[in-house]
C-alpha atoms as a PDB file:
ATOM      1  CA  MET A   1     105.104-180.470-102.548  1.00  0.00           C
ATOM      2  CA  ARG A   2     101.639-181.207-103.719  1.00  0.00           C
ATOM      3  CA  MET A   3     102.868-182.262-106.883  1.00  0.00           C
ATOM      4  CA  LYS A   4     105.398-184.767-105.812  1.00  0.00           C
ATOM      5  CA  ARG A   5     103.042-186.128-103.169  1.00  0.00           C
ATOM      6  CA  THR A   6     100.132-186.572-105.908  1.00  0.00           C
ATOM      7  CA  ALA A   7     102.684-188.369-108.372  1.00  0.00           C
ATOM      8  CA  THR A   8     103.985-190.589-105.483  1.00  0.00           C
ATOM      9  CA  VAL A   9     100.465-191.463-105.033  1.00  0.00           C
ATOM     10  CA  VAL A  10      99.551-192.044-108.701  1.00  0.00           C
ATOM     11  CA  ALA A  11     102.707-193.902-109.436  1.00  0.00           C
ATOM     12  CA  ALA A  12     102.035-196.666-106.365  1.00  0.00           C
ATOM     13  CA  ILE A  13      98.548-197.147-107.652  1.00  0.00           C
ATOM     14  CA  GLY A  14      99.771-197.471-111.126  1.00  0.00           C
ATOM     15  CA  LEU A  15     102.253-200.245-109.721  1.00  0.00           C
ATOM     16  CA  SER A  16      99.564-201.857-107.399  1.00  0.00           C
ATOM     17  CA  SER A  17      97.624-202.583-110.323  1.00  0.00           C
ATOM     18  CA  LEU A  18     100.097-204.965-111.578  1.00  0.00           C
ATOM     19  CA  ALA A  19      99.433-207.185-108.914  1.00  0.00           C
ATOM     20  CA  PHE A  20      96.030-208.018-110.785  1.00  0.00           C
ATOM     21  CA  VAL A  21      98.031-208.883-114.353  1.00  0.00           C
ATOM     22  CA  GLY A  22      99.536-211.441-112.622  1.00  0.00           C
ATOM     23  CA  CYS A  23      96.465-213.192-111.806  1.00  0.00           C
ATOM     24  CA  SER A  24      95.888-216.649-113.882  1.00  0.00           C
ATOM     25  CA  SER A  25      94.256-217.831-116.414  1.00  0.00           C
ATOM     26  CA  ASN A  26      93.736-220.798-118.259  1.00  0.00           C
ATOM     27  CA  ALA A  27      96.085-219.177-121.054  1.00  0.00           C
ATOM     28  CA  GLU A  28      98.981-219.351-118.856  1.00  0.00           C
ATOM     29  CA  SER A  29      98.875-223.174-118.403  1.00  0.00           C
ATOM     30  CA  ASN A  30      97.164-223.738-122.070  1.00  0.00           C
ATOM     31  CA  PRO A  31      98.695-221.512-124.757  1.00  0.00           C
ATOM     32  CA  SER A  32      95.999-223.038-127.458  1.00  0.00           C
ATOM     33  CA  ALA A  33      93.033-221.909-125.259  1.00  0.00           C
ATOM     34  CA  SER A  34      90.225-220.108-126.992  1.00  0.00           C
ATOM     35  CA  PRO A  35      90.322-216.303-126.839  1.00  0.00           C
ATOM     36  CA  SER A  36      87.538-216.488-123.959  1.00  0.00           C
ATOM     37  CA  GLU A  37      89.569-218.766-121.985  1.00  0.00           C
ATOM     38  CA  SER A  38      92.986-216.537-122.571  1.00  0.00           C
ATOM     39  CA  ALA A  39      91.479-213.454-121.325  1.00  0.00           C
ATOM     40  CA  LYS A  40      93.511-211.875-118.610  1.00  0.00           C
ATOM     41  CA  VAL A  41      92.003-210.229-114.967  1.00  0.00           C
ATOM     42  CA  VAL A  42      92.136-206.392-115.618  1.00  0.00           C
ATOM     43  CA  ALA A  43      91.785-203.861-112.618  1.00  0.00           C
ATOM     44  CA  THR A  44      91.380-200.201-114.010  1.00  0.00           C
ATOM     45  CA  VAL A  45      91.613-197.226-111.559  1.00  0.00           C
ATOM     46  CA  TYR A  46      89.055-194.727-111.730  1.00  0.00           C
ATOM     47  CA  GLY A  47      90.584-192.432-109.028  1.00  0.00           C
ATOM     48  CA  GLN A  48      92.578-191.543-105.971  1.00  0.00           C
ATOM     49  CA  ALA A  49      92.498-188.685-103.345  1.00  0.00           C
ATOM     50  CA  VAL A  50      94.518-188.199-100.168  1.00  0.00           C
ATOM     51  CA  PRO A  51      91.750-187.447 -97.788  1.00  0.00           C
ATOM     52  CA  PRO A  52      92.720-184.554 -95.402  1.00  0.00           C
ATOM     53  CA  ASN A  53      90.952-186.843 -92.547  1.00  0.00           C
ATOM     54  CA  ALA A  54      93.273-189.950 -92.947  1.00  0.00           C
ATOM     55  CA  PRO A  55      96.852-188.397 -93.210  1.00  0.00           C
ATOM     56  CA  GLY A  56      99.203-190.794 -94.617  1.00  0.00           C
ATOM     57  CA  GLN A  57      96.413-192.894 -96.488  1.00  0.00           C
ATOM     58  CA  VAL A  58      95.309-192.852 -99.999  1.00  0.00           C
ATOM     59  CA  LEU A  59      91.310-193.750-100.946  1.00  0.00           C
ATOM     60  CA  THR A  60      91.536-195.258-104.372  1.00  0.00           C
ATOM     61  CA  GLN A  61      88.292-196.216-106.550  1.00  0.00           C
ATOM     62  CA  TYR A  62      88.838-199.056-109.294  1.00  0.00           C
ATOM     63  CA  ALA A  63      87.182-201.747-111.019  1.00  0.00           C
ATOM     64  CA  VAL A  64      88.226-205.170-111.409  1.00  0.00           C
ATOM     65  CA  THR A  65      86.784-207.772-114.338  1.00  0.00           C
ATOM     66  CA  ILE A  66      87.359-211.514-114.088  1.00  0.00           C
ATOM     67  CA  PRO A  67      86.665-213.102-117.444  1.00  0.00           C
ATOM     68  CA  PRO A  68      84.748-216.526-117.543  1.00  0.00           C
ATOM     69  CA  GLY A  69      87.675-219.278-116.458  1.00  0.00           C
ATOM     70  CA  ALA A  70      90.408-216.492-114.746  1.00  0.00           C
ATOM     71  CA  ALA A  71      91.302-216.184-111.740  1.00  0.00           C
ATOM     72  CA  ILE A  72      92.685-213.919-108.869  1.00  0.00           C
ATOM     73  CA  ALA A  73      95.471-215.938-106.962  1.00  0.00           C
ATOM     74  CA  ALA A  74      95.867-215.833-103.067  1.00  0.00           C
ATOM     75  CA  HIS A  75      96.561-212.220-102.030  1.00  0.00           C
ATOM     76  CA  GLU A  76      95.544-209.581 -99.206  1.00  0.00           C
ATOM     77  CA  HIS A  77      94.927-205.598 -99.317  1.00  0.00           C
ATOM     78  CA  PRO A  78      96.927-203.364 -96.954  1.00  0.00           C
ATOM     79  CA  GLY A  79      93.764-201.603 -96.075  1.00  0.00           C
ATOM     80  CA  GLN A  80      89.948-201.681 -95.763  1.00  0.00           C
ATOM     81  CA  GLN A  81      88.262-202.240 -99.100  1.00  0.00           C
ATOM     82  CA  ILE A  82      84.774-202.608 -99.675  1.00  0.00           C
ATOM     83  CA  GLY A  83      83.579-203.788-103.224  1.00  0.00           C
ATOM     84  CA  ARG A  84      80.355-204.304-104.969  1.00  0.00           C
ATOM     85  CA  ILE A  85      79.632-207.533-107.255  1.00  0.00           C
ATOM     86  CA  THR A  86      78.303-205.603-110.341  1.00  0.00           C
ATOM     87  CA  ALA A  87      77.826-208.448-112.842  1.00  0.00           C
ATOM     88  CA  GLY A  88      78.175-212.331-112.406  1.00  0.00           C
ATOM     89  CA  ASP A  89      78.825-214.546-109.837  1.00  0.00           C
ATOM     90  CA  LEU A  90      82.049-214.894-108.146  1.00  0.00           C
ATOM     91  CA  THR A  91      83.541-218.076-106.804  1.00  0.00           C
ATOM     92  CA  TYR A  92      85.413-216.659-103.427  1.00  0.00           C
ATOM     93  CA  THR A  93      87.541-218.432-100.778  1.00  0.00           C
ATOM     94  CA  ILE A  94      88.770-216.809 -97.724  1.00  0.00           C
ATOM     95  CA  ASP A  95      91.940-218.679 -96.807  1.00  0.00           C
ATOM     96  CA  LYS A  96      92.146-216.510 -93.271  1.00  0.00           C
ATOM     97  CA  GLY A  97      89.928-214.044 -91.969  1.00  0.00           C
ATOM     98  CA  THR A  98      86.605-212.693 -91.806  1.00  0.00           C
ATOM     99  CA  LEU A  99      84.357-211.282 -94.641  1.00  0.00           C
ATOM    100  CA  THR A 100      81.618-208.999 -94.136  1.00  0.00           C
ATOM    101  CA  ILE A 101      78.749-209.480 -96.706  1.00  0.00           C
ATOM    102  CA  PHE A 102      76.305-206.612 -96.775  1.00  0.00           C
ATOM    103  CA  GLU A 103      72.625-207.943 -97.223  1.00  0.00           C
ATOM    104  CA  GLY A 104      70.353-205.432 -99.086  1.00  0.00           C
ATOM    105  CA  THR A 105      70.578-201.688 -99.076  1.00  0.00           C
ATOM    106  CA  ALA A 106      69.467-198.855 -96.155  1.00  0.00           C
ATOM    107  CA  ALA A 107      68.624-195.232 -96.411  1.00  0.00           C
ATOM    108  CA  PRO A 108      71.278-192.808 -95.287  1.00  0.00           C
ATOM    109  CA  GLY A 109      72.190-192.807 -92.135  1.00  0.00           C
ATOM    110  CA  GLN A 110      70.649-196.279 -91.696  1.00  0.00           C
ATOM    111  CA  GLU A 111      73.239-199.121 -90.940  1.00  0.00           C
ATOM    112  CA  VAL A 112      72.904-201.936 -93.704  1.00  0.00           C
ATOM    113  CA  PRO A 113      72.150-205.528 -92.544  1.00  0.00           C
ATOM    114  CA  SER A 114      75.312-207.497 -92.619  1.00  0.00           C
ATOM    115  CA  ARG A 115      76.970-211.201 -91.663  1.00  0.00           C
ATOM    116  CA  THR A 116      80.209-212.215 -91.260  1.00  0.00           C
ATOM    117  CA  VAL A 117      81.922-215.473 -93.156  1.00  0.00           C
ATOM    118  CA  THR A 118      84.765-216.625 -91.419  1.00  0.00           C
ATOM    119  CA  GLY A 119      87.365-218.937 -93.532  1.00  0.00           C
ATOM    120  CA  PRO A 120      88.906-221.109 -94.626  1.00  0.00           C
ATOM    121  CA  THR A 121      85.753-221.607 -96.594  1.00  0.00           C
ATOM    122  CA  THR A 122      84.405-220.811-100.350  1.00  0.00           C
ATOM    123  CA  ILE A 123      81.516-219.197-100.994  1.00  0.00           C
ATOM    124  CA  THR A 124      79.688-217.461-104.049  1.00  0.00           C
ATOM    125  CA  LEU A 125      79.088-213.933-104.380  1.00  0.00           C
ATOM    126  CA  SER A 126      76.335-212.745-107.148  1.00  0.00           C
ATOM    127  CA  ALA A 127      75.766-209.385-108.708  1.00  0.00           C
ATOM    128  CA  GLY A 128      74.114-206.957-106.352  1.00  0.00           C
ATOM    129  CA  THR A 129      76.650-208.241-103.394  1.00  0.00           C
ATOM    130  CA  THR A 130      78.625-205.740-101.196  1.00  0.00           C
ATOM    131  CA  ILE A 131      81.589-206.845 -99.263  1.00  0.00           C
ATOM    132  CA  ALA A 132      83.884-205.762 -96.695  1.00  0.00           C
ATOM    133  CA  GLU A 133      87.785-206.816 -96.669  1.00  0.00           C
ATOM    134  CA  ALA A 134      89.762-205.913 -93.276  1.00  0.00           C
ATOM    135  CA  ASP A 135      93.304-205.584 -93.752  1.00  0.00           C
ATOM    136  CA  GLY A 136      95.502-208.825 -93.868  1.00  0.00           C
ATOM    137  CA  MET A 137      92.374-211.090 -95.037  1.00  0.00           C
ATOM    138  CA  VAL A 138      93.638-213.877 -97.052  1.00  0.00           C
ATOM    139  CA  HIS A 139      91.188-214.743-100.257  1.00  0.00           C
ATOM    140  CA  ASN A 140      91.156-215.882-103.732  1.00  0.00           C
ATOM    141  CA  ALA A 141      88.640-216.111-106.574  1.00  0.00           C
ATOM    142  CA  LYS A 142      87.658-217.827-109.581  1.00  0.00           C
ATOM    143  CA  ASN A 143      84.980-216.912-112.048  1.00  0.00           C
ATOM    144  CA  ASN A 144      83.469-220.462-112.994  1.00  0.00           C
ATOM    145  CA  GLY A 145      80.654-218.660-114.886  1.00  0.00           C
ATOM    146  CA  THR A 146      80.233-218.107-118.683  1.00  0.00           C
ATOM    147  CA  GLY A 147      80.044-214.212-118.545  1.00  0.00           C
ATOM    148  CA  PRO A 148      82.528-211.849-116.976  1.00  0.00           C
ATOM    149  CA  VAL A 149      82.642-210.978-113.438  1.00  0.00           C
ATOM    150  CA  GLU A 150      82.889-207.405-112.432  1.00  0.00           C
ATOM    151  CA  ILE A 151      83.244-205.590-109.408  1.00  0.00           C
ATOM    152  CA  THR A 152      83.531-201.965-108.209  1.00  0.00           C
ATOM    153  CA  LEU A 153      85.805-201.301-105.517  1.00  0.00           C
ATOM    154  CA  SER A 154      86.975-198.736-103.152  1.00  0.00           C
ATOM    155  CA  ILE A 155      90.153-199.055-100.497  1.00  0.00           C
ATOM    156  CA  LEU A 156      91.938-197.173 -98.065  1.00  0.00           C
ATOM    157  CA  THR A 157      95.070-197.737 -97.913  1.00  0.00           C
ATOM    158  CA  PRO A 158      98.704-196.092 -96.499  1.00  0.00           C
ATOM    159  CA  VAL A 159     100.252-194.181 -99.172  1.00  0.00           C
ATOM    160  CA  GLY A 160     102.616-195.972-101.189  1.00  0.00           C
ATOM    161  CA  ASP A 161     101.457-199.195-100.357  1.00  0.00           C
ATOM    162  CA  PRO A 162      99.938-201.454-103.272  1.00  0.00           C
ATOM    163  CA  LEU A 163      96.036-202.268-103.454  1.00  0.00           C
ATOM    164  CA  SER A 164      97.110-206.022-103.196  1.00  0.00           C
ATOM    165  CA  VAL A 165      99.866-207.826-101.940  1.00  0.00           C
ATOM    166  CA  PRO A 166      99.991-211.310-103.357  1.00  0.00           C
ATOM    167  CA  ILE A 167     100.325-214.651-100.862  1.00  0.00           C
ATOM    168  CA  THR A 168     101.725-217.887-101.469  1.00  0.00           C
ATOM    169  CA  LEU A 169      99.658-220.124 -99.556  1.00  0.00           C
ATOM    170  CA  PRO A 170     101.431-223.387 -97.851  1.00  0.00           C
ATOM    171  CA  THR A 171     100.690-226.578 -99.929  1.00  0.00           C
ATOM    172  CA  PRO A 172      99.166-229.674 -98.109  1.00  0.00           C
ATOM    173  CA  SER A 173     101.649-232.053 -97.298  1.00  0.00           C
ATOM    174  CA  ALA A 174     101.134-235.372 -98.872  1.00  0.00           C
ATOM    175  CA  THR A 175      99.732-238.066 -96.548  1.00  0.00           C
ATOM    176  CA  PRO A 176     102.265-240.931 -95.911  1.00  0.00           C
ATOM    177  CA  SER A 177     100.431-244.331 -97.431  1.00  0.00           C
ATOM    178  CA  ALA A 178     100.433-247.219 -95.058  1.00  0.00           C
ATOM    179  CA  SER A 179     102.520-249.843 -96.056  1.00  0.00           C
ATOM    180  CA  ALA A 180     101.627-253.370 -96.271  1.00  0.00           C
ATOM    181  CA  SER A 181     103.530-255.559 -94.220  1.00  0.00           C
END
């Protein structure tokens, strides 16, 4: 029973990592892009555990590397996620929902000062910034810099759910032009 449950968790995590493989980069729209432009977003799972105090949930720690020019399409997470930008500057768009940004650090047992940002809005998250994304917050991101953006994340999700779920955002409708009479 324990082996089957672990295999299910590992399979779910492996499949959910594929959501990041579909992230856009210049290579998809420009086959002659340079090597730095053709790099893809890479997600690497470091470990996962089924916490005994969170039945039906799996805790996953992973990292995402976003090369220069690459983007992560609009998505949401099926659980609470916390992450820290460890390198680079990330252009981060909140399409729907509220992001918590932690400012500074605190001693164990103390609360880290934080602020919230509600979308729709675009902000820049720099190395050293820690964020919390709530279940259902729709967001996307892009690396407009010259070096990679690296993020270390931990997420608590229902067993079997992916780490992220792609979201199709409505396209802005064209404004009818005024006709000359």
